[in-house]
Amino acid sequence: MKIIAPVATVTAIVLVPIYIQPASRVIALQLAHRIALGSGNYSDPEMAIRAHGNCSEYVPSVLLFILCHRATKTVDFLFRTHTGTC
């Protein structure tokens, strides 16, 4: 149980700035286009909103996958190459 928290914590520390960057980009584009809510039918805020949505979907999924993987001590078959090494 000692190793579960450090792996997930380090991964979260790495992913948080990656998660904050799309949110900052959305805010900056909404301010630049003077949009209160949504994309205002502009393409660049729309793409930024979609990128932020994808990030907010996948970052927690990755952290949950890592926690489950480390907690169950499953075989690393997903990470093995054809030579059988990790």
N, C-alpha and C. Protein backbone atom coordinates (compact mmCIF):
# COMPACT_ATOMS: atom_id res chain seq x y z
N MET A 1 0.82 -1.20 0.00
CA MET A 1 0.00 0.00 0.00
C MET A 1 0.85 1.25 0.00
N LYS A 2 2.11 1.14 0.36
CA LYS A 2 2.96 2.32 0.42
C LYS A 2 3.21 2.94 -0.95
N ILE A 3 3.28 2.11 -1.98
CA ILE A 3 3.66 2.61 -3.30
C ILE A 3 2.48 3.19 -4.08
N ILE A 4 1.24 2.91 -3.68
CA ILE A 4 0.08 3.38 -4.44
C ILE A 4 -0.01 4.90 -4.44
N ALA A 5 0.06 5.51 -3.29
CA ALA A 5 -0.11 6.96 -3.19
C ALA A 5 0.98 7.73 -3.93
N PRO A 6 2.27 7.37 -3.81
CA PRO A 6 3.28 8.16 -4.52
C PRO A 6 3.12 8.14 -6.04
N VAL A 7 2.77 7.00 -6.60
CA VAL A 7 2.62 6.93 -8.06
C VAL A 7 1.46 7.81 -8.52
N ALA A 8 0.32 7.69 -7.85
CA ALA A 8 -0.83 8.50 -8.22
C ALA A 8 -0.58 9.98 -7.93
N THR A 9 0.11 10.27 -6.84
CA THR A 9 0.40 11.66 -6.49
C THR A 9 1.32 12.31 -7.50
N VAL A 10 2.37 11.61 -7.88
CA VAL A 10 3.30 12.17 -8.87
C VAL A 10 2.59 12.36 -10.21
N THR A 11 1.76 11.40 -10.59
CA THR A 11 1.01 11.53 -11.84
C THR A 11 0.05 12.71 -11.77
N ALA A 12 -0.62 12.89 -10.65
CA ALA A 12 -1.53 14.03 -10.49
C ALA A 12 -0.78 15.35 -10.56
N ILE A 13 0.39 15.39 -9.94
CA ILE A 13 1.20 16.62 -9.97
C ILE A 13 1.60 16.95 -11.41
N VAL A 14 1.89 15.94 -12.19
CA VAL A 14 2.26 16.17 -13.59
C VAL A 14 1.04 16.58 -14.42
N LEU A 15 -0.11 15.98 -14.14
CA LEU A 15 -1.29 16.23 -14.96
C LEU A 15 -2.04 17.52 -14.61
N VAL A 16 -1.89 18.03 -13.41
CA VAL A 16 -2.62 19.25 -13.02
C VAL A 16 -2.25 20.45 -13.90
N PRO A 17 -0.96 20.73 -14.16
CA PRO A 17 -0.68 21.85 -15.07
C PRO A 17 -1.21 21.61 -16.48
N ILE A 18 -1.18 20.35 -16.91
CA ILE A 18 -1.73 20.02 -18.22
C ILE A 18 -3.24 20.24 -18.22
N TYR A 19 -3.88 20.04 -17.09
CA TYR A 19 -5.32 20.24 -16.96
C TYR A 19 -5.67 21.73 -16.87
N ILE A 20 -4.84 22.52 -16.23
CA ILE A 20 -5.12 23.94 -16.04
C ILE A 20 -4.90 24.73 -17.32
N GLN A 21 -3.97 24.31 -18.15
CA GLN A 21 -3.65 25.05 -19.37
C GLN A 21 -4.86 25.20 -20.30
N PRO A 22 -5.62 24.14 -20.62
CA PRO A 22 -6.79 24.36 -21.48
C PRO A 22 -7.85 25.27 -20.85
N ALA A 23 -8.01 25.19 -19.52
CA ALA A 23 -8.97 26.07 -18.85
C ALA A 23 -8.55 27.52 -18.98
N SER A 24 -7.27 27.78 -18.83
CA SER A 24 -6.75 29.15 -18.98
C SER A 24 -6.94 29.64 -20.41
N ARG A 25 -6.74 28.74 -21.36
CA ARG A 25 -6.91 29.11 -22.77
C ARG A 25 -8.37 29.47 -23.07
N VAL A 26 -9.30 28.70 -22.51
CA VAL A 26 -10.73 28.99 -22.70
C VAL A 26 -11.06 30.36 -22.14
N ILE A 27 -10.60 30.64 -20.93
CA ILE A 27 -10.87 31.93 -20.29
C ILE A 27 -10.28 33.07 -21.10
N ALA A 28 -9.05 32.90 -21.55
CA ALA A 28 -8.40 33.96 -22.34
C ALA A 28 -9.15 34.23 -23.64
N LEU A 29 -9.58 33.19 -24.31
CA LEU A 29 -10.31 33.37 -25.57
C LEU A 29 -11.69 33.98 -25.33
N GLN A 30 -12.35 33.59 -24.25
CA GLN A 30 -13.65 34.19 -23.95
C GLN A 30 -13.51 35.68 -23.62
N LEU A 31 -12.46 36.03 -22.91
CA LEU A 31 -12.22 37.44 -22.63
C LEU A 31 -11.86 38.22 -23.89
N ALA A 32 -11.05 37.61 -24.76
CA ALA A 32 -10.64 38.28 -26.00
C ALA A 32 -11.82 38.53 -26.92
N HIS A 33 -12.75 37.58 -26.97
CA HIS A 33 -13.92 37.72 -27.84
C HIS A 33 -15.11 38.33 -27.12
N ARG A 34 -14.93 38.68 -25.83
CA ARG A 34 -16.00 39.25 -25.01
C ARG A 34 -17.23 38.35 -24.99
N ILE A 35 -16.98 37.08 -24.64
CA ILE A 35 -18.04 36.08 -24.57
C ILE A 35 -18.26 35.76 -23.09
N ALA A 36 -19.51 35.82 -22.65
CA ALA A 36 -19.82 35.52 -21.25
C ALA A 36 -19.95 34.02 -21.02
N LEU A 37 -20.56 33.30 -21.95
CA LEU A 37 -20.83 31.89 -21.76
C LEU A 37 -20.78 31.20 -23.12
N GLY A 38 -20.12 30.07 -23.19
CA GLY A 38 -20.05 29.31 -24.44
C GLY A 38 -18.97 29.83 -25.37
N SER A 39 -19.15 29.54 -26.67
CA SER A 39 -18.13 29.91 -27.65
C SER A 39 -18.50 31.12 -28.49
N GLY A 40 -19.73 31.57 -28.41
CA GLY A 40 -20.14 32.73 -29.18
C GLY A 40 -20.06 32.53 -30.67
N ASN A 41 -20.16 31.29 -31.15
CA ASN A 41 -20.07 30.93 -32.57
C ASN A 41 -18.73 31.28 -33.19
N TYR A 42 -17.68 31.39 -32.39
CA TYR A 42 -16.32 31.55 -32.88
C TYR A 42 -15.66 30.17 -32.87
N SER A 43 -14.80 29.91 -33.84
CA SER A 43 -14.21 28.57 -33.93
C SER A 43 -13.10 28.34 -32.91
N ASP A 44 -12.27 29.35 -32.63
CA ASP A 44 -11.16 29.12 -31.71
C ASP A 44 -11.60 28.89 -30.26
N PRO A 45 -12.59 29.63 -29.73
CA PRO A 45 -13.06 29.26 -28.39
C PRO A 45 -13.75 27.89 -28.37
N GLU A 46 -14.43 27.56 -29.45
CA GLU A 46 -15.10 26.26 -29.54
C GLU A 46 -14.08 25.12 -29.45
N MET A 47 -12.98 25.23 -30.16
CA MET A 47 -11.94 24.19 -30.11
C MET A 47 -11.30 24.13 -28.73
N ALA A 48 -11.09 25.29 -28.11
CA ALA A 48 -10.49 25.31 -26.77
C ALA A 48 -11.43 24.69 -25.74
N ILE A 49 -12.73 24.94 -25.87
CA ILE A 49 -13.71 24.35 -24.96
C ILE A 49 -13.74 22.84 -25.13
N ARG A 50 -13.65 22.38 -26.37
CA ARG A 50 -13.63 20.92 -26.61
C ARG A 50 -12.37 20.29 -26.05
N ALA A 51 -11.23 20.95 -26.21
CA ALA A 51 -9.97 20.42 -25.68
C ALA A 51 -10.03 20.34 -24.15
N HIS A 52 -10.58 21.36 -23.53
CA HIS A 52 -10.72 21.36 -22.07
C HIS A 52 -11.68 20.25 -21.62
N GLY A 53 -12.75 20.05 -22.36
CA GLY A 53 -13.69 18.98 -22.03
C GLY A 53 -13.04 17.60 -22.13
N ASN A 54 -12.26 17.40 -23.19
CA ASN A 54 -11.56 16.12 -23.34
C ASN A 54 -10.57 15.91 -22.21
N CYS A 55 -9.86 16.95 -21.84
CA CYS A 55 -8.88 16.86 -20.77
C CYS A 55 -9.58 16.55 -19.44
N SER A 56 -10.69 17.21 -19.18
CA SER A 56 -11.40 16.97 -17.92
C SER A 56 -12.02 15.58 -17.87
N GLU A 57 -12.16 14.96 -19.03
CA GLU A 57 -12.68 13.60 -19.07
C GLU A 57 -11.57 12.57 -18.87
N TYR A 58 -10.42 12.80 -19.49
CA TYR A 58 -9.37 11.79 -19.49
C TYR A 58 -8.42 11.86 -18.30
N VAL A 59 -8.17 13.02 -17.75
CA VAL A 59 -7.24 13.12 -16.61
C VAL A 59 -7.74 12.31 -15.41
N PRO A 60 -8.98 12.46 -14.97
CA PRO A 60 -9.45 11.62 -13.85
C PRO A 60 -9.46 10.13 -14.21
N SER A 61 -9.76 9.81 -15.47
CA SER A 61 -9.76 8.40 -15.89
C SER A 61 -8.37 7.80 -15.78
N VAL A 62 -7.36 8.54 -16.18
CA VAL A 62 -5.98 8.05 -16.09
C VAL A 62 -5.59 7.85 -14.63
N LEU A 63 -5.92 8.80 -13.78
CA LEU A 63 -5.59 8.66 -12.36
C LEU A 63 -6.31 7.46 -11.74
N LEU A 64 -7.56 7.27 -12.09
CA LEU A 64 -8.30 6.12 -11.58
C LEU A 64 -7.70 4.81 -12.08
N PHE A 65 -7.31 4.77 -13.34
CA PHE A 65 -6.67 3.58 -13.91
C PHE A 65 -5.38 3.27 -13.17
N ILE A 66 -4.57 4.28 -12.91
CA ILE A 66 -3.31 4.06 -12.20
C ILE A 66 -3.56 3.55 -10.78
N LEU A 67 -4.52 4.15 -10.08
CA LEU A 67 -4.83 3.70 -8.72
C LEU A 67 -5.32 2.24 -8.71
N CYS A 68 -6.20 1.92 -9.63
CA CYS A 68 -6.70 0.54 -9.70
C CYS A 68 -5.59 -0.43 -10.06
N HIS A 69 -4.77 -0.03 -11.00
CA HIS A 69 -3.66 -0.88 -11.45
C HIS A 69 -2.68 -1.14 -10.31
N ARG A 70 -2.33 -0.10 -9.57
CA ARG A 70 -1.37 -0.26 -8.48
C ARG A 70 -2.00 -0.98 -7.28
N ALA A 71 -3.28 -0.76 -7.04
CA ALA A 71 -3.93 -1.38 -5.89
C ALA A 71 -4.11 -2.88 -6.07
N THR A 72 -4.40 -3.31 -7.29
CA THR A 72 -4.64 -4.72 -7.53
C THR A 72 -3.37 -5.47 -7.91
N LYS A 73 -2.30 -4.75 -8.13
CA LYS A 73 -1.01 -5.35 -8.51
C LYS A 73 -1.17 -6.29 -9.70
N THR A 74 -1.88 -5.81 -10.71
CA THR A 74 -2.12 -6.62 -11.89
C THR A 74 -0.85 -6.77 -12.71
N VAL A 75 -0.85 -7.76 -13.55
CA VAL A 75 0.29 -8.00 -14.43
C VAL A 75 0.36 -6.87 -15.45
N ASP A 76 1.55 -6.46 -15.77
CA ASP A 76 1.74 -5.35 -16.71
C ASP A 76 1.63 -5.80 -18.17
N PHE A 77 0.62 -6.61 -18.47
CA PHE A 77 0.51 -7.12 -19.83
C PHE A 77 0.19 -6.01 -20.82
N LEU A 78 -0.42 -4.94 -20.37
CA LEU A 78 -0.73 -3.84 -21.28
C LEU A 78 0.52 -3.07 -21.68
N PHE A 79 1.57 -3.15 -20.87
CA PHE A 79 2.75 -2.35 -21.10
C PHE A 79 3.92 -3.16 -21.64
N ARG A 80 3.71 -4.43 -21.90
CA ARG A 80 4.80 -5.28 -22.37
C ARG A 80 4.94 -5.17 -23.89
N THR A 81 6.18 -5.28 -24.34
CA THR A 81 6.45 -5.29 -25.77
C THR A 81 6.52 -6.74 -26.25
N HIS A 82 6.84 -6.94 -27.50
CA HIS A 82 6.93 -8.29 -28.02
C HIS A 82 8.09 -9.09 -27.42
N THR A 83 9.04 -8.41 -26.78
CA THR A 83 10.16 -9.12 -26.16
C THR A 83 9.84 -9.57 -24.75
N GLY A 84 8.72 -9.12 -24.21
CA GLY A 84 8.32 -9.52 -22.88
C GLY A 84 8.86 -8.65 -21.77
N THR A 85 9.45 -7.50 -22.12
CA THR A 85 9.97 -6.59 -21.11
C THR A 85 9.07 -5.38 -21.03
N CYS A 86 9.11 -4.71 -19.91
CA CYS A 86 8.29 -3.51 -19.73
C CYS A 86 8.98 -2.30 -20.32
